[in-house]
């Protein structure tokens, strides 16, 4: 018995949350969050009452920048494969 020769090799279907438009939307929104967190760091470090809470905008800025870099690398890797 012979194997069928009609195999289908197609590009994998990308889920909506990993599409190019969704990734660029995420990058754009995380850049806004990063700017907002940097403003929070400046305001929090300028006021002595808020200095103990500066860790939160610091963490927020780190996580948003990390997400921007990771999603951008994903887009770059995806575009280099094509």
PDB file of N, CA and C in Angstrom:
ATOM      1  N   UNK A   1       0.847  -1.169   0.000  1.00  0.00           N
ATOM      2  CA  UNK A   1       0.000   0.000   0.000  1.00  0.00           C
ATOM      3  C   UNK A   1       0.896   1.237   0.000  1.00  0.00           C
ATOM      4  N   UNK A   2       0.630   2.152  -0.908  1.00  0.00           N
ATOM      5  CA  UNK A   2       1.447   3.354  -1.028  1.00  0.00           C
ATOM      6  C   UNK A   2       0.884   4.470  -0.146  1.00  0.00           C
ATOM      7  N   UNK A   3       1.804   5.342   0.238  1.00  0.00           N
ATOM      8  CA  UNK A   3       1.392   6.519   0.999  1.00  0.00           C
ATOM      9  C   UNK A   3       0.804   7.563   0.071  1.00  0.00           C
ATOM     10  N   UNK A   4      -0.113   8.339   0.573  1.00  0.00           N
ATOM     11  CA  UNK A   4      -0.690   9.403  -0.239  1.00  0.00           C
ATOM     12  C   UNK A   4       0.336  10.490  -0.467  1.00  0.00           C
ATOM     13  N   UNK A   5       0.373  11.002  -1.664  1.00  0.00           N
ATOM     14  CA  UNK A   5       1.327  12.044  -2.013  1.00  0.00           C
ATOM     15  C   UNK A   5       0.722  13.444  -1.934  1.00  0.00           C
ATOM     16  N   UNK A   6      -0.506  13.567  -1.539  1.00  0.00           N
ATOM     17  CA  UNK A   6      -1.148  14.874  -1.479  1.00  0.00           C
ATOM     18  C   UNK A   6      -1.112  15.415  -0.055  1.00  0.00           C
ATOM     19  N   UNK A   7       0.061  15.758   0.385  1.00  0.00           N
ATOM     20  CA  UNK A   7       0.201  16.334   1.713  1.00  0.00           C
ATOM     21  C   UNK A   7       0.032  17.855   1.627  1.00  0.00           C
ATOM     22  N   UNK A   8      -0.544  18.421   2.645  1.00  0.00           N
ATOM     23  CA  UNK A   8      -0.776  19.863   2.666  1.00  0.00           C
ATOM     24  C   UNK A   8       0.233  20.512   3.607  1.00  0.00           C
ATOM     25  N   UNK A   9       1.130  21.299   3.040  1.00  0.00           N
ATOM     26  CA  UNK A   9       2.083  22.058   3.839  1.00  0.00           C
ATOM     27  C   UNK A   9       1.764  23.534   3.632  1.00  0.00           C
ATOM     28  N   UNK A  10       1.120  24.096   4.589  1.00  0.00           N
ATOM     29  CA  UNK A  10       0.730  25.499   4.511  1.00  0.00           C
ATOM     30  C   UNK A  10       1.362  26.252   5.657  1.00  0.00           C
ATOM     31  N   UNK A  11       1.305  27.558   5.529  1.00  0.00           N
ATOM     32  CA  UNK A  11       1.778  28.377   6.636  1.00  0.00           C
ATOM     33  C   UNK A  11       0.857  28.160   7.823  1.00  0.00           C
ATOM     34  N   UNK A  12       1.421  28.126   9.039  1.00  0.00           N
ATOM     35  CA  UNK A  12       0.540  27.974  10.200  1.00  0.00           C
ATOM     36  C   UNK A  12      -0.314  29.224  10.402  1.00  0.00           C
ATOM     37  N   UNK A  13      -1.504  29.013  10.874  1.00  0.00           N
ATOM     38  CA  UNK A  13      -2.433  30.119  11.102  1.00  0.00           C
ATOM     39  C   UNK A  13      -2.025  30.816  12.399  1.00  0.00           C
ATOM     40  N   UNK A  14      -1.803  32.110  12.310  1.00  0.00           N
ATOM     41  CA  UNK A  14      -1.424  32.899  13.474  1.00  0.00           C
ATOM     42  C   UNK A  14      -2.674  33.296  14.242  1.00  0.00           C
ATOM     43  N   UNK A  15      -2.692  33.078  15.552  1.00  0.00           N
ATOM     44  CA  UNK A  15      -3.861  33.504  16.322  1.00  0.00           C
ATOM     45  C   UNK A  15      -4.009  35.026  16.310  1.00  0.00           C
ATOM     46  N   UNK A  16      -5.203  35.517  16.569  1.00  0.00           N
ATOM     47  CA  UNK A  16      -5.461  36.958  16.479  1.00  0.00           C
ATOM     48  C   UNK A  16      -4.608  37.740  17.458  1.00  0.00           C
ATOM     49  N   UNK A  17      -4.328  37.167  18.633  1.00  0.00           N
ATOM     50  CA  UNK A  17      -3.565  37.899  19.639  1.00  0.00           C
ATOM     51  C   UNK A  17      -2.070  37.914  19.332  1.00  0.00           C
ATOM     52  N   UNK A  18      -1.640  37.190  18.321  1.00  0.00           N
ATOM     53  CA  UNK A  18      -0.237  37.188  17.918  1.00  0.00           C
ATOM     54  C   UNK A  18      -0.087  37.749  16.506  1.00  0.00           C
ATOM     55  N   UNK A  19      -1.100  38.424  16.015  1.00  0.00           N
ATOM     56  CA  UNK A  19      -1.008  39.006  14.684  1.00  0.00           C
ATOM     57  C   UNK A  19      -0.121  40.250  14.729  1.00  0.00           C
ATOM     58  N   UNK A  20       0.271  40.705  13.557  1.00  0.00           N
ATOM     59  CA  UNK A  20       1.161  41.858  13.477  1.00  0.00           C
ATOM     60  C   UNK A  20       0.477  43.114  14.015  1.00  0.00           C
ATOM     61  N   UNK A  21      -0.774  43.295  13.696  1.00  0.00           N
ATOM     62  CA  UNK A  21      -1.504  44.479  14.167  1.00  0.00           C
ATOM     63  C   UNK A  21      -1.636  44.454  15.690  1.00  0.00           C
ATOM     64  N   UNK A  22      -1.948  43.303  16.250  1.00  0.00           N
ATOM     65  CA  UNK A  22      -2.079  43.198  17.704  1.00  0.00           C
ATOM     66  C   UNK A  22      -0.740  43.444  18.390  1.00  0.00           C
ATOM     67  N   UNK A  23       0.337  42.952  17.800  1.00  0.00           N
ATOM     68  CA  UNK A  23       1.659  43.170  18.397  1.00  0.00           C
ATOM     69  C   UNK A  23       2.049  44.642  18.361  1.00  0.00           C
ATOM     70  N   UNK A  24       1.783  45.333  17.246  1.00  0.00           N
ATOM     71  CA  UNK A  24       2.114  46.757  17.170  1.00  0.00           C
ATOM     72  C   UNK A  24       1.220  47.576  18.097  1.00  0.00           C
ATOM     73  N   UNK A  25      -0.029  47.176  18.262  1.00  0.00           N
ATOM     74  CA  UNK A  25      -0.907  47.848  19.208  1.00  0.00           C
ATOM     75  C   UNK A  25      -0.400  47.679  20.634  1.00  0.00           C
ATOM     76  N   UNK A  26       0.058  46.478  20.954  1.00  0.00           N
ATOM     77  CA  UNK A  26       0.614  46.212  22.278  1.00  0.00           C
ATOM     78  C   UNK A  26       1.888  47.018  22.510  1.00  0.00           C
ATOM     79  N   UNK A  27       2.753  47.087  21.513  1.00  0.00           N
ATOM     80  CA  UNK A  27       3.981  47.872  21.647  1.00  0.00           C
ATOM     81  C   UNK A  27       3.654  49.342  21.880  1.00  0.00           C
ATOM     82  N   UNK A  28       2.719  49.874  21.117  1.00  0.00           N
ATOM     83  CA  UNK A  28       2.346  51.284  21.258  1.00  0.00           C
ATOM     84  C   UNK A  28       1.756  51.565  22.640  1.00  0.00           C
ATOM     85  N   UNK A  29       0.868  50.712  23.093  1.00  0.00           N
ATOM     86  CA  UNK A  29       0.261  50.943  24.402  1.00  0.00           C
ATOM     87  C   UNK A  29       1.282  50.785  25.532  1.00  0.00           C
ATOM     88  N   UNK A  30       2.229  49.863  25.399  1.00  0.00           N
ATOM     89  CA  UNK A  30       3.253  49.698  26.428  1.00  0.00           C
ATOM     90  C   UNK A  30       4.248  50.855  26.443  1.00  0.00           C
ATOM     91  N   UNK A  31       4.449  51.508  25.310  1.00  0.00           N
ATOM     92  CA  UNK A  31       5.285  52.709  25.300  1.00  0.00           C
ATOM     93  C   UNK A  31       4.591  53.826  26.075  1.00  0.00           C
ATOM     94  N   UNK A  32       3.270  53.955  25.920  1.00  0.00           N
ATOM     95  CA  UNK A  32       2.523  54.939  26.712  1.00  0.00           C
ATOM     96  C   UNK A  32       2.581  54.615  28.204  1.00  0.00           C
ATOM     97  N   UNK A  33       2.472  53.340  28.549  1.00  0.00           N
ATOM     98  CA  UNK A  33       2.572  52.934  29.950  1.00  0.00           C
ATOM     99  C   UNK A  33       3.970  53.236  30.494  1.00  0.00           C
ATOM    100  N   UNK A  34       5.002  53.016  29.673  1.00  0.00           N
ATOM    101  CA  UNK A  34       6.370  53.305  30.090  1.00  0.00           C
ATOM    102  C   UNK A  34       6.557  54.793  30.380  1.00  0.00           C
ATOM    103  N   UNK A  35       6.042  55.639  29.498  1.00  0.00           N
ATOM    104  CA  UNK A  35       6.145  57.095  29.710  1.00  0.00           C
ATOM    105  C   UNK A  35       5.379  57.503  30.968  1.00  0.00           C
ATOM    106  N   UNK A  36       4.212  56.925  31.181  1.00  0.00           N
ATOM    107  CA  UNK A  36       3.421  57.206  32.376  1.00  0.00           C
ATOM    108  C   UNK A  36       4.176  56.775  33.639  1.00  0.00           C
ATOM    109  N   UNK A  37       4.834  55.625  33.592  1.00  0.00           N
ATOM    110  CA  UNK A  37       5.583  55.141  34.751  1.00  0.00           C
ATOM    111  C   UNK A  37       6.806  56.009  35.029  1.00  0.00           C
ATOM    112  N   UNK A  38       7.479  56.463  33.986  1.00  0.00           N
ATOM    113  CA  UNK A  38       8.625  57.352  34.184  1.00  0.00           C
ATOM    114  C   UNK A  38       8.167  58.664  34.822  1.00  0.00           C
ATOM    115  N   UNK A  39       7.014  59.183  34.390  1.00  0.00           N
ATOM    116  CA  UNK A  39       6.466  60.384  35.024  1.00  0.00           C
ATOM    117  C   UNK A  39       6.137  60.111  36.492  1.00  0.00           C
ATOM    118  N   UNK A  40       5.641  58.927  36.788  1.00  0.00           N
ATOM    119  CA  UNK A  40       5.364  58.555  38.178  1.00  0.00           C
ATOM    120  C   UNK A  40       6.621  58.470  39.012  1.00  0.00           C
ATOM    121  N   UNK A  41       7.711  58.017  38.421  1.00  0.00           N
ATOM    122  CA  UNK A  41       8.985  57.968  39.140  1.00  0.00           C
ATOM    123  C   UNK A  41       9.456  59.379  39.468  1.00  0.00           C
ATOM    124  N   UNK A  42       9.355  60.291  38.499  1.00  0.00           N
ATOM    125  CA  UNK A  42       9.778  61.670  38.745  1.00  0.00           C
ATOM    126  C   UNK A  42       8.920  62.340  39.818  1.00  0.00           C
ATOM    127  N   UNK A  43       7.621  62.150  39.741  1.00  0.00           N
ATOM    128  CA  UNK A  43       6.734  62.755  40.733  1.00  0.00           C
ATOM    129  C   UNK A  43       6.952  62.126  42.108  1.00  0.00           C
ATOM    130  N   UNK A  44       7.074  60.808  42.149  1.00  0.00           N
ATOM    131  CA  UNK A  44       7.256  60.116  43.423  1.00  0.00           C
ATOM    132  C   UNK A  44       8.578  60.409  44.088  1.00  0.00           C
ATOM    133  N   UNK A  45       9.625  60.561  43.312  1.00  0.00           N
ATOM    134  CA  UNK A  45      10.928  60.854  43.916  1.00  0.00           C
ATOM    135  C   UNK A  45      11.060  62.326  44.290  1.00  0.00           C
ATOM    136  N   UNK A  46      10.235  63.190  43.712  1.00  0.00           N
ATOM    137  CA  UNK A  46      10.275  64.612  44.042  1.00  0.00           C
ATOM    138  C   UNK A  46       9.528  64.958  45.312  1.00  0.00           C
ATOM    139  N   UNK A  47       8.599  64.120  45.717  1.00  0.00           N
ATOM    140  CA  UNK A  47       7.786  64.377  46.903  1.00  0.00           C
ATOM    141  C   UNK A  47       8.215  63.411  48.005  1.00  0.00           C
ATOM    142  N   UNK A  48       8.663  63.913  49.165  1.00  0.00           N
ATOM    143  CA  UNK A  48       9.140  63.011  50.232  1.00  0.00           C
ATOM    144  C   UNK A  48       8.065  62.054  50.757  1.00  0.00           C
ATOM    145  N   UNK A  49       6.784  62.431  50.645  1.00  0.00           N
ATOM    146  CA  UNK A  49       5.721  61.547  51.130  1.00  0.00           C
ATOM    147  C   UNK A  49       5.541  60.319  50.237  1.00  0.00           C
ATOM    148  N   UNK A  50       5.923  60.430  48.978  1.00  0.00           N
ATOM    149  CA  UNK A  50       5.692  59.344  48.032  1.00  0.00           C
ATOM    150  C   UNK A  50       6.953  58.538  47.724  1.00  0.00           C
ATOM    151  N   UNK A  51       8.076  58.862  48.336  1.00  0.00           N
ATOM    152  CA  UNK A  51       9.331  58.194  47.984  1.00  0.00           C
ATOM    153  C   UNK A  51       9.321  56.705  48.304  1.00  0.00           C
ATOM    154  N   UNK A  52       8.559  56.304  49.302  1.00  0.00           N
ATOM    155  CA  UNK A  52       8.518  54.872  49.621  1.00  0.00           C
ATOM    156  C   UNK A  52       7.686  54.076  48.615  1.00  0.00           C
ATOM    157  N   UNK A  53       6.954  54.765  47.752  1.00  0.00           N
ATOM    158  CA  UNK A  53       6.119  54.096  46.758  1.00  0.00           C
ATOM    159  C   UNK A  53       6.693  54.179  45.348  1.00  0.00           C
ATOM    160  N   UNK A  54       7.922  54.613  45.210  1.00  0.00           N
ATOM    161  CA  UNK A  54       8.532  54.760  43.884  1.00  0.00           C
ATOM    162  C   UNK A  54       8.810  53.391  43.259  1.00  0.00           C
ATOM    163  N   UNK A  55       8.858  52.351  44.056  1.00  0.00           N
ATOM    164  CA  UNK A  55       9.134  51.019  43.519  1.00  0.00           C
ATOM    165  C   UNK A  55       8.059  50.578  42.534  1.00  0.00           C
ATOM    166  N   UNK A  56       6.817  51.004  42.757  1.00  0.00           N
ATOM    167  CA  UNK A  56       5.740  50.552  41.872  1.00  0.00           C
ATOM    168  C   UNK A  56       5.865  51.107  40.456  1.00  0.00           C
ATOM    169  N   UNK A  57       6.047  52.421  40.252  1.00  0.00           N
ATOM    170  CA  UNK A  57       6.254  52.875  38.873  1.00  0.00           C
ATOM    171  C   UNK A  57       7.572  52.379  38.290  1.00  0.00           C
ATOM    172  N   UNK A  58       8.560  52.119  39.153  1.00  0.00           N
ATOM    173  CA  UNK A  58       9.809  51.533  38.660  1.00  0.00           C
ATOM    174  C   UNK A  58       9.591  50.135  38.105  1.00  0.00           C
ATOM    175  N   UNK A  59       8.836  49.340  38.835  1.00  0.00           N
ATOM    176  CA  UNK A  59       8.502  47.992  38.370  1.00  0.00           C
ATOM    177  C   UNK A  59       7.634  48.046  37.116  1.00  0.00           C
ATOM    178  N   UNK A  60       6.690  48.971  37.095  1.00  0.00           N
ATOM    179  CA  UNK A  60       5.812  49.127  35.940  1.00  0.00           C
ATOM    180  C   UNK A  60       6.599  49.526  34.697  1.00  0.00           C
ATOM    181  N   UNK A  61       7.557  50.431  34.862  1.00  0.00           N
ATOM    182  CA  UNK A  61       8.365  50.848  33.709  1.00  0.00           C
ATOM    183  C   UNK A  61       9.249  49.707  33.221  1.00  0.00           C
ATOM    184  N   UNK A  62       9.823  48.938  34.151  1.00  0.00           N
ATOM    185  CA  UNK A  62      10.655  47.798  33.747  1.00  0.00           C
ATOM    186  C   UNK A  62       9.840  46.754  32.996  1.00  0.00           C
ATOM    187  N   UNK A  63       8.678  46.411  33.517  1.00  0.00           N
ATOM    188  CA  UNK A  63       7.859  45.374  32.880  1.00  0.00           C
ATOM    189  C   UNK A  63       7.333  45.820  31.516  1.00  0.00           C
ATOM    190  N   UNK A  64       6.946  47.080  31.392  1.00  0.00           N
ATOM    191  CA  UNK A  64       6.447  47.542  30.099  1.00  0.00           C
ATOM    192  C   UNK A  64       7.571  47.594  29.069  1.00  0.00           C
ATOM    193  N   UNK A  65       8.763  48.035  29.479  1.00  0.00           N
ATOM    194  CA  UNK A  65       9.893  48.053  28.550  1.00  0.00           C
ATOM    195  C   UNK A  65      10.298  46.635  28.162  1.00  0.00           C
ATOM    196  N   UNK A  66      10.264  45.710  29.117  1.00  0.00           N
ATOM    197  CA  UNK A  66      10.583  44.312  28.839  1.00  0.00           C
ATOM    198  C   UNK A  66       9.602  43.728  27.825  1.00  0.00           C
ATOM    199  N   UNK A  67       8.328  44.042  27.977  1.00  0.00           N
ATOM    200  CA  UNK A  67       7.314  43.544  27.055  1.00  0.00           C
ATOM    201  C   UNK A  67       7.484  44.136  25.663  1.00  0.00           C
ATOM    202  N   UNK A  68       7.841  45.407  25.588  1.00  0.00           N
ATOM    203  CA  UNK A  68       8.084  46.040  24.286  1.00  0.00           C
ATOM    204  C   UNK A  68       9.231  45.333  23.573  1.00  0.00           C
ATOM    205  N   UNK A  69      10.311  45.068  24.298  1.00  0.00           N
ATOM    206  CA  UNK A  69      11.472  44.417  23.679  1.00  0.00           C
ATOM    207  C   UNK A  69      11.121  43.004  23.231  1.00  0.00           C
ATOM    208  N   UNK A  70      10.423  42.244  24.080  1.00  0.00           N
ATOM    209  CA  UNK A  70      10.079  40.862  23.735  1.00  0.00           C
ATOM    210  C   UNK A  70       9.158  40.783  22.511  1.00  0.00           C
ATOM    211  N   UNK A  71       8.153  41.639  22.456  1.00  0.00           N
ATOM    212  CA  UNK A  71       7.221  41.604  21.331  1.00  0.00           C
ATOM    213  C   UNK A  71       7.912  42.090  20.065  1.00  0.00           C
ATOM    214  N   UNK A  72       8.778  43.096  20.184  1.00  0.00           N
ATOM    215  CA  UNK A  72       9.512  43.569  19.015  1.00  0.00           C
ATOM    216  C   UNK A  72      10.447  42.485  18.479  1.00  0.00           C
ATOM    217  N   UNK A  73      11.113  41.755  19.359  1.00  0.00           N
ATOM    218  CA  UNK A  73      11.969  40.656  18.904  1.00  0.00           C
ATOM    219  C   UNK A  73      11.149  39.546  18.247  1.00  0.00           C
ATOM    220  N   UNK A  74       9.963  39.301  18.758  1.00  0.00           N
ATOM    221  CA  UNK A  74       9.081  38.310  18.136  1.00  0.00           C
ATOM    222  C   UNK A  74       8.693  38.731  16.726  1.00  0.00           C
ATOM    223  N   UNK A  75       8.351  40.014  16.554  1.00  0.00           N
ATOM    224  CA  UNK A  75       8.006  40.510  15.224  1.00  0.00           C
ATOM    225  C   UNK A  75       9.207  40.460  14.292  1.00  0.00           C
ATOM    226  N   UNK A  76      10.368  40.803  14.795  1.00  0.00           N
ATOM    227  CA  UNK A  76      11.570  40.783  13.965  1.00  0.00           C
ATOM    228  C   UNK A  76      11.918  39.360  13.540  1.00  0.00           C
ATOM    229  N   UNK A  77      11.803  38.409  14.474  1.00  0.00           N
ATOM    230  CA  UNK A  77      12.092  37.007  14.150  1.00  0.00           C
ATOM    231  C   UNK A  77      11.079  36.470  13.144  1.00  0.00           C
ATOM    232  N   UNK A  78       9.817  36.869  13.309  1.00  0.00           N
ATOM    233  CA  UNK A  78       8.788  36.416  12.367  1.00  0.00           C
ATOM    234  C   UNK A  78       9.026  36.988  10.972  1.00  0.00           C
ATOM    235  N   UNK A  79       9.439  38.234  10.886  1.00  0.00           N
ATOM    236  CA  UNK A  79       9.666  38.844   9.565  1.00  0.00           C
ATOM    237  C   UNK A  79      10.943  38.320   8.911  1.00  0.00           C
ATOM    238  N   UNK A  80      11.904  37.880   9.720  1.00  0.00           N
ATOM    239  CA  UNK A  80      13.137  37.346   9.119  1.00  0.00           C
ATOM    240  C   UNK A  80      12.932  35.932   8.577  1.00  0.00           C
ATOM    241  N   UNK A  81      11.931  35.209   9.085  1.00  0.00           N
ATOM    242  CA  UNK A  81      11.644  33.862   8.582  1.00  0.00           C
ATOM    243  C   UNK A  81      11.021  33.922   7.182  1.00  0.00           C
ATOM    244  N   UNK A  82      10.269  34.969   6.899  1.00  0.00           N
ATOM    245  CA  UNK A  82       9.573  35.068   5.608  1.00  0.00           C
ATOM    246  C   UNK A  82      10.469  35.564   4.540  1.00  0.00           C
TER     247      UNK A  82
END
